[in-house]
PDB file of all heavy atoms in Angstrom:
ATOM      1  N   SER A   1       0.869  -1.179  -0.017  1.00  0.00           N
ATOM      2  CA  SER A   1      -0.035   0.053  -0.008  1.00  0.00           C
ATOM      3  C   SER A   1       0.911   1.223   0.027  1.00  0.00           C
ATOM      4  O   SER A   1       1.819   1.290   0.741  1.00  0.00           O
ATOM      5  CB  SER A   1      -0.984   0.038   1.249  1.00  0.00           C
ATOM      6  OG  SER A   1      -1.710   1.219   1.250  1.00  0.00           O
ATOM      7  N   TYR A   2       0.485   2.209  -0.878  1.00  0.00           N
ATOM      8  CA  TYR A   2       1.347   3.438  -0.999  1.00  0.00           C
ATOM      9  C   TYR A   2       0.698   4.679  -0.472  1.00  0.00           C
ATOM     10  O   TYR A   2       1.260   5.838  -0.700  1.00  0.00           O
ATOM     11  CB  TYR A   2       1.721   3.529  -2.522  1.00  0.00           C
ATOM     12  CG  TYR A   2       2.698   2.602  -3.000  1.00  0.00           C
ATOM     13  CD1 TYR A   2       2.257   1.408  -3.551  1.00  0.00           C
ATOM     14  CD2 TYR A   2       4.100   2.788  -2.859  1.00  0.00           C
ATOM     15  CE1 TYR A   2       3.158   0.437  -4.073  1.00  0.00           C
ATOM     16  CE2 TYR A   2       4.961   1.890  -3.335  1.00  0.00           C
ATOM     17  CZ  TYR A   2       4.527   0.695  -3.948  1.00  0.00           C
ATOM     18  OH  TYR A   2       5.453  -0.274  -4.387  1.00  0.00           O
ATOM     19  N   GLY A   3      -0.404   4.631   0.176  1.00  0.00           N
ATOM     20  CA  GLY A   3      -0.977   5.842   0.673  1.00  0.00           C
ATOM     21  C   GLY A   3      -2.297   5.635   1.375  1.00  0.00           C
ATOM     22  O   GLY A   3      -2.880   4.538   1.552  1.00  0.00           O
ATOM     23  N   VAL A   4      -2.935   6.752   1.723  1.00  0.00           N
ATOM     24  CA  VAL A   4      -4.241   6.718   2.465  1.00  0.00           C
ATOM     25  C   VAL A   4      -5.210   7.741   1.743  1.00  0.00           C
ATOM     26  O   VAL A   4      -4.719   8.812   1.309  1.00  0.00           O
ATOM     27  CB  VAL A   4      -4.075   7.104   3.893  1.00  0.00           C
ATOM     28  CG1 VAL A   4      -3.436   8.394   4.133  1.00  0.00           C
ATOM     29  CG2 VAL A   4      -5.424   7.036   4.642  1.00  0.00           C
ATOM     30  N   ARG A   5      -6.442   7.440   1.683  1.00  0.00           N
ATOM     31  CA  ARG A   5      -7.416   8.344   1.119  1.00  0.00           C
ATOM     32  C   ARG A   5      -8.377   8.784   2.276  1.00  0.00           C
ATOM     33  O   ARG A   5      -8.986   7.874   2.931  1.00  0.00           O
ATOM     34  CB  ARG A   5      -8.229   7.744   0.024  1.00  0.00           C
ATOM     35  CG  ARG A   5      -9.471   8.486  -0.447  1.00  0.00           C
ATOM     36  CD  ARG A   5     -10.282   7.746  -1.503  1.00  0.00           C
ATOM     37  NE  ARG A   5      -9.487   7.762  -2.805  1.00  0.00           N
ATOM     38  CZ  ARG A   5      -9.812   6.910  -3.772  1.00  0.00           C
ATOM     39  NH1 ARG A   5     -10.783   6.075  -3.760  1.00  0.00           N
ATOM     40  NH2 ARG A   5      -9.019   7.061  -4.982  1.00  0.00           N
ATOM     41  N   PHE A   6      -8.369  10.037   2.574  1.00  0.00           N
ATOM     42  CA  PHE A   6      -9.351  10.631   3.586  1.00  0.00           C
ATOM     43  C   PHE A   6     -10.566  11.155   2.814  1.00  0.00           C
ATOM     44  O   PHE A   6     -10.425  11.857   1.771  1.00  0.00           O
ATOM     45  CB  PHE A   6      -8.686  11.678   4.369  1.00  0.00           C
ATOM     46  CG  PHE A   6      -7.601  11.291   5.243  1.00  0.00           C
ATOM     47  CD1 PHE A   6      -6.294  11.608   4.958  1.00  0.00           C
ATOM     48  CD2 PHE A   6      -7.874  10.611   6.422  1.00  0.00           C
ATOM     49  CE1 PHE A   6      -5.306  11.167   5.813  1.00  0.00           C
ATOM     50  CE2 PHE A   6      -6.872  10.251   7.278  1.00  0.00           C
ATOM     51  CZ  PHE A   6      -5.543  10.474   6.973  1.00  0.00           C
ATOM     52  N   VAL A   7     -11.707  10.835   3.411  1.00  0.00           N
ATOM     53  CA  VAL A   7     -12.953  11.404   2.730  1.00  0.00           C
ATOM     54  C   VAL A   7     -13.678  12.196   3.787  1.00  0.00           C
ATOM     55  O   VAL A   7     -14.036  11.701   4.852  1.00  0.00           O
ATOM     56  CB  VAL A   7     -13.898  10.277   2.179  1.00  0.00           C
ATOM     57  CG1 VAL A   7     -15.104  10.886   1.557  1.00  0.00           C
ATOM     58  CG2 VAL A   7     -13.177   9.435   1.198  1.00  0.00           C
ATOM     59  N   ALA A   8     -13.753  13.531   3.553  1.00  0.00           N
ATOM     60  CA  ALA A   8     -14.271  14.429   4.473  1.00  0.00           C
ATOM     61  C   ALA A   8     -15.817  14.267   4.689  1.00  0.00           C
ATOM     62  O   ALA A   8     -16.478  13.635   3.856  1.00  0.00           O
ATOM     63  CB  ALA A   8     -14.071  15.921   4.033  1.00  0.00           C
ATOM     64  N   PRO A   9     -16.388  14.801   5.780  1.00  0.00           N
ATOM     65  CA  PRO A   9     -17.860  14.617   5.980  1.00  0.00           C
ATOM     66  C   PRO A   9     -18.682  15.161   4.821  1.00  0.00           C
ATOM     67  O   PRO A   9     -19.779  14.669   4.541  1.00  0.00           O
ATOM     68  CB  PRO A   9     -18.076  15.421   7.247  1.00  0.00           C
ATOM     69  CG  PRO A   9     -16.869  15.366   8.037  1.00  0.00           C
ATOM     70  CD  PRO A   9     -15.748  15.408   6.916  1.00  0.00           C
ATOM     71  N   ASN A  10     -18.078  16.148   4.091  1.00  0.00           N
ATOM     72  CA  ASN A  10     -18.825  16.622   2.888  1.00  0.00           C
ATOM     73  C   ASN A  10     -18.761  15.763   1.688  1.00  0.00           C
ATOM     74  O   ASN A  10     -19.297  16.043   0.629  1.00  0.00           O
ATOM     75  CB  ASN A  10     -18.475  18.082   2.552  1.00  0.00           C
ATOM     76  CG  ASN A  10     -17.012  18.208   2.182  1.00  0.00           C
ATOM     77  OD1 ASN A  10     -16.309  17.196   2.013  1.00  0.00           O
ATOM     78  ND2 ASN A  10     -16.534  19.427   1.946  1.00  0.00           N
ATOM     79  N   GLY A  11     -18.003  14.652   1.794  1.00  0.00           N
ATOM     80  CA  GLY A  11     -17.919  13.700   0.721  1.00  0.00           C
ATOM     81  C   GLY A  11     -16.688  13.896  -0.189  1.00  0.00           C
ATOM     82  O   GLY A  11     -16.515  13.122  -1.121  1.00  0.00           O
ATOM     83  N   ARG A  12     -15.900  14.999   0.061  1.00  0.00           N
ATOM     84  CA  ARG A  12     -14.827  15.256  -0.861  1.00  0.00           C
ATOM     85  C   ARG A  12     -13.595  14.435  -0.459  1.00  0.00           C
ATOM     86  O   ARG A  12     -13.195  14.335   0.746  1.00  0.00           O
ATOM     87  CB  ARG A  12     -14.420  16.725  -0.758  1.00  0.00           C
ATOM     88  CG  ARG A  12     -13.430  17.134  -1.789  1.00  0.00           C
ATOM     89  CD  ARG A  12     -13.443  18.607  -1.969  1.00  0.00           C
ATOM     90  NE  ARG A  12     -12.733  18.986  -3.295  1.00  0.00           N
ATOM     91  CZ  ARG A  12     -12.788  20.176  -3.871  1.00  0.00           C
ATOM     92  NH1 ARG A  12     -13.558  21.149  -3.262  1.00  0.00           N
ATOM     93  NH2 ARG A  12     -12.092  20.518  -4.975  1.00  0.00           N
ATOM     94  N   PRO A  13     -12.970  13.745  -1.364  1.00  0.00           N
ATOM     95  CA  PRO A  13     -11.788  12.830  -1.072  1.00  0.00           C
ATOM     96  C   PRO A  13     -10.522  13.582  -1.096  1.00  0.00           C
ATOM     97  O   PRO A  13     -10.366  14.601  -1.824  1.00  0.00           O
ATOM     98  CB  PRO A  13     -11.891  11.750  -2.107  1.00  0.00           C
ATOM     99  CG  PRO A  13     -12.457  12.529  -3.259  1.00  0.00           C
ATOM    100  CD  PRO A  13     -13.370  13.430  -2.789  1.00  0.00           C
ATOM    101  N   MET A  14      -9.468  13.099  -0.371  1.00  0.00           N
ATOM    102  CA  MET A  14      -8.144  13.650  -0.425  1.00  0.00           C
ATOM    103  C   MET A  14      -7.207  12.498  -0.385  1.00  0.00           C
ATOM    104  O   MET A  14      -7.098  11.698   0.658  1.00  0.00           O
ATOM    105  CB  MET A  14      -7.969  14.591   0.848  1.00  0.00           C
ATOM    106  CG  MET A  14      -6.533  15.135   0.980  1.00  0.00           C
ATOM    107  SD  MET A  14      -6.381  16.298   2.289  1.00  0.00           S
ATOM    108  CE  MET A  14      -6.730  15.304   3.748  1.00  0.00           C
ATOM    109  N   ASN A  15      -6.466  12.305  -1.452  1.00  0.00           N
ATOM    110  CA  ASN A  15      -5.495  11.229  -1.498  1.00  0.00           C
ATOM    111  C   ASN A  15      -4.184  11.735  -0.996  1.00  0.00           C
ATOM    112  O   ASN A  15      -3.587  12.747  -1.432  1.00  0.00           O
ATOM    113  CB  ASN A  15      -5.293  10.739  -2.935  1.00  0.00           C
ATOM    114  CG  ASN A  15      -6.561  10.030  -3.371  1.00  0.00           C
ATOM    115  OD1 ASN A  15      -7.244   9.326  -2.606  1.00  0.00           O
ATOM    116  ND2 ASN A  15      -6.830  10.069  -4.647  1.00  0.00           N
ATOM    117  N   ILE A  16      -3.532  11.020  -0.010  1.00  0.00           N
ATOM    118  CA  ILE A  16      -2.265  11.313   0.624  1.00  0.00           C
ATOM    119  C   ILE A  16      -1.293  10.221   0.337  1.00  0.00           C
ATOM    120  O   ILE A  16      -1.409   9.138   1.024  1.00  0.00           O
ATOM    121  CB  ILE A  16      -2.397  11.558   2.108  1.00  0.00           C
ATOM    122  CG1 ILE A  16      -3.473  12.696   2.307  1.00  0.00           C
ATOM    123  CG2 ILE A  16      -1.041  11.977   2.671  1.00  0.00           C
ATOM    124  CD1 ILE A  16      -3.052  14.091   1.835  1.00  0.00           C
ATOM    125  N   PRO A  17      -0.406  10.315  -0.617  1.00  0.00           N
ATOM    126  CA  PRO A  17       0.634   9.275  -0.778  1.00  0.00           C
ATOM    127  C   PRO A  17       1.646   9.272   0.328  1.00  0.00           C
ATOM    128  O   PRO A  17       1.850  10.238   0.928  1.00  0.00           O
ATOM    129  CB  PRO A  17       1.306   9.682  -2.092  1.00  0.00           C
ATOM    130  CG  PRO A  17       1.124  11.108  -2.199  1.00  0.00           C
ATOM    131  CD  PRO A  17      -0.158  11.410  -1.540  1.00  0.00           C
ATOM    132  N   PHE A  18       2.093   8.060   0.744  1.00  0.00           N
ATOM    133  CA  PHE A  18       3.116   8.014   1.849  1.00  0.00           C
ATOM    134  C   PHE A  18       4.429   8.515   1.424  1.00  0.00           C
ATOM    135  O   PHE A  18       5.220   8.870   2.242  1.00  0.00           O
ATOM    136  CB  PHE A  18       3.204   6.487   2.267  1.00  0.00           C
ATOM    137  CG  PHE A  18       1.975   5.993   2.961  1.00  0.00           C
ATOM    138  CD1 PHE A  18       1.568   4.710   2.739  1.00  0.00           C
ATOM    139  CD2 PHE A  18       1.240   6.789   3.799  1.00  0.00           C
ATOM    140  CE1 PHE A  18       0.428   4.165   3.325  1.00  0.00           C
ATOM    141  CE2 PHE A  18       0.144   6.260   4.450  1.00  0.00           C
ATOM    142  CZ  PHE A  18      -0.282   4.965   4.233  1.00  0.00           C
ATOM    143  N   TYR A  19       4.685   8.544   0.039  1.00  0.00           N
ATOM    144  CA  TYR A  19       5.954   9.079  -0.432  1.00  0.00           C
ATOM    145  C   TYR A  19       5.653  10.359  -1.178  1.00  0.00           C
ATOM    146  O   TYR A  19       4.842  10.367  -2.081  1.00  0.00           O
ATOM    147  CB  TYR A  19       6.623   8.123  -1.396  1.00  0.00           C
ATOM    148  CG  TYR A  19       7.289   6.889  -0.775  1.00  0.00           C
ATOM    149  CD1 TYR A  19       7.138   5.658  -1.340  1.00  0.00           C
ATOM    150  CD2 TYR A  19       8.021   7.051   0.478  1.00  0.00           C
ATOM    151  CE1 TYR A  19       7.707   4.563  -0.779  1.00  0.00           C
ATOM    152  CE2 TYR A  19       8.579   5.945   1.005  1.00  0.00           C
ATOM    153  CZ  TYR A  19       8.478   4.649   0.409  1.00  0.00           C
ATOM    154  OH  TYR A  19       9.020   3.579   0.965  1.00  0.00           O
ATOM    155  N   ALA A  20       6.290  11.446  -0.824  1.00  0.00           N
ATOM    156  CA  ALA A  20       6.123  12.764  -1.575  1.00  0.00           C
ATOM    157  C   ALA A  20       6.630  12.563  -3.009  1.00  0.00           C
ATOM    158  O   ALA A  20       6.017  13.061  -3.951  1.00  0.00           O
ATOM    159  CB  ALA A  20       6.827  13.854  -0.839  1.00  0.00           C
ATOM    160  N   GLN A  21       7.792  11.949  -3.152  1.00  0.00           N
ATOM    161  CA  GLN A  21       8.421  11.743  -4.414  1.00  0.00           C
ATOM    162  C   GLN A  21       8.895  10.270  -4.395  1.00  0.00           C
ATOM    163  O   GLN A  21      10.032   9.994  -3.955  1.00  0.00           O
ATOM    164  CB  GLN A  21       9.556  12.706  -4.713  1.00  0.00           C
ATOM    165  CG  GLN A  21       9.157  14.190  -4.825  1.00  0.00           C
ATOM    166  CD  GLN A  21      10.257  15.045  -5.166  1.00  0.00           C
ATOM    167  OE1 GLN A  21      11.388  14.721  -4.948  1.00  0.00           O
ATOM    168  NE2 GLN A  21       9.900  16.209  -5.829  1.00  0.00           N
ATOM    169  N   ARG A  22       8.138   9.436  -4.978  1.00  0.00           N
ATOM    170  CA  ARG A  22       8.493   7.996  -4.994  1.00  0.00           C
ATOM    171  C   ARG A  22       9.459   7.650  -6.099  1.00  0.00           C
ATOM    172  O   ARG A  22       9.339   8.076  -7.253  1.00  0.00           O
ATOM    173  CB  ARG A  22       7.247   7.201  -5.173  1.00  0.00           C
ATOM    174  CG  ARG A  22       7.400   5.720  -5.136  1.00  0.00           C
ATOM    175  CD  ARG A  22       6.025   5.033  -5.206  1.00  0.00           C
ATOM    176  NE  ARG A  22       6.123   3.678  -5.912  1.00  0.00           N
ATOM    177  CZ  ARG A  22       5.114   3.098  -6.350  1.00  0.00           C
ATOM    178  NH1 ARG A  22       3.874   3.723  -6.454  1.00  0.00           N
ATOM    179  NH2 ARG A  22       5.191   1.877  -6.930  1.00  0.00           N
ATOM    180  N   GLN A  23      10.481   6.996  -5.696  1.00  0.00           N
ATOM    181  CA  GLN A  23      11.554   6.538  -6.592  1.00  0.00           C
ATOM    182  C   GLN A  23      11.185   5.275  -7.275  1.00  0.00           C
ATOM    183  O   GLN A  23      10.540   4.449  -6.709  1.00  0.00           O
ATOM    184  CB  GLN A  23      12.886   6.456  -5.876  1.00  0.00           C
ATOM    185  CG  GLN A  23      13.368   7.648  -5.120  1.00  0.00           C
ATOM    186  CD  GLN A  23      13.580   8.858  -6.004  1.00  0.00           C
ATOM    187  OE1 GLN A  23      14.111   8.731  -7.112  1.00  0.00           O
ATOM    188  NE2 GLN A  23      13.102   9.978  -5.577  1.00  0.00           N
ATOM    189  N   GLN A  24      11.635   5.046  -8.517  1.00  0.00           N
ATOM    190  CA  GLN A  24      11.373   3.840  -9.208  1.00  0.00           C
ATOM    191  C   GLN A  24      11.859   2.661  -8.526  1.00  0.00           C
ATOM    192  O   GLN A  24      13.008   2.638  -8.109  1.00  0.00           O
ATOM    193  CB  GLN A  24      11.891   3.941 -10.657  1.00  0.00           C
ATOM    194  CG  GLN A  24      11.464   2.733 -11.554  1.00  0.00           C
ATOM    195  CD  GLN A  24      11.979   2.931 -12.941  1.00  0.00           C
ATOM    196  OE1 GLN A  24      12.604   3.881 -13.232  1.00  0.00           O
ATOM    197  NE2 GLN A  24      11.533   1.938 -13.818  1.00  0.00           N
ATOM    198  N   GLY A  25      11.052   1.685  -8.257  1.00  0.00           N
ATOM    199  CA  GLY A  25      11.443   0.473  -7.623  1.00  0.00           C
ATOM    200  C   GLY A  25      11.476   0.546  -6.134  1.00  0.00           C
ATOM    201  O   GLY A  25      11.825  -0.427  -5.466  1.00  0.00           O
TER     202      GLY A  25
END
């Protein structure tokens, strides 16, 4: 798993990757 998705009470999603800049491999 590479991140988390928060969904606010108003239904709007926010995707937060665990890596700000993921390197290949």
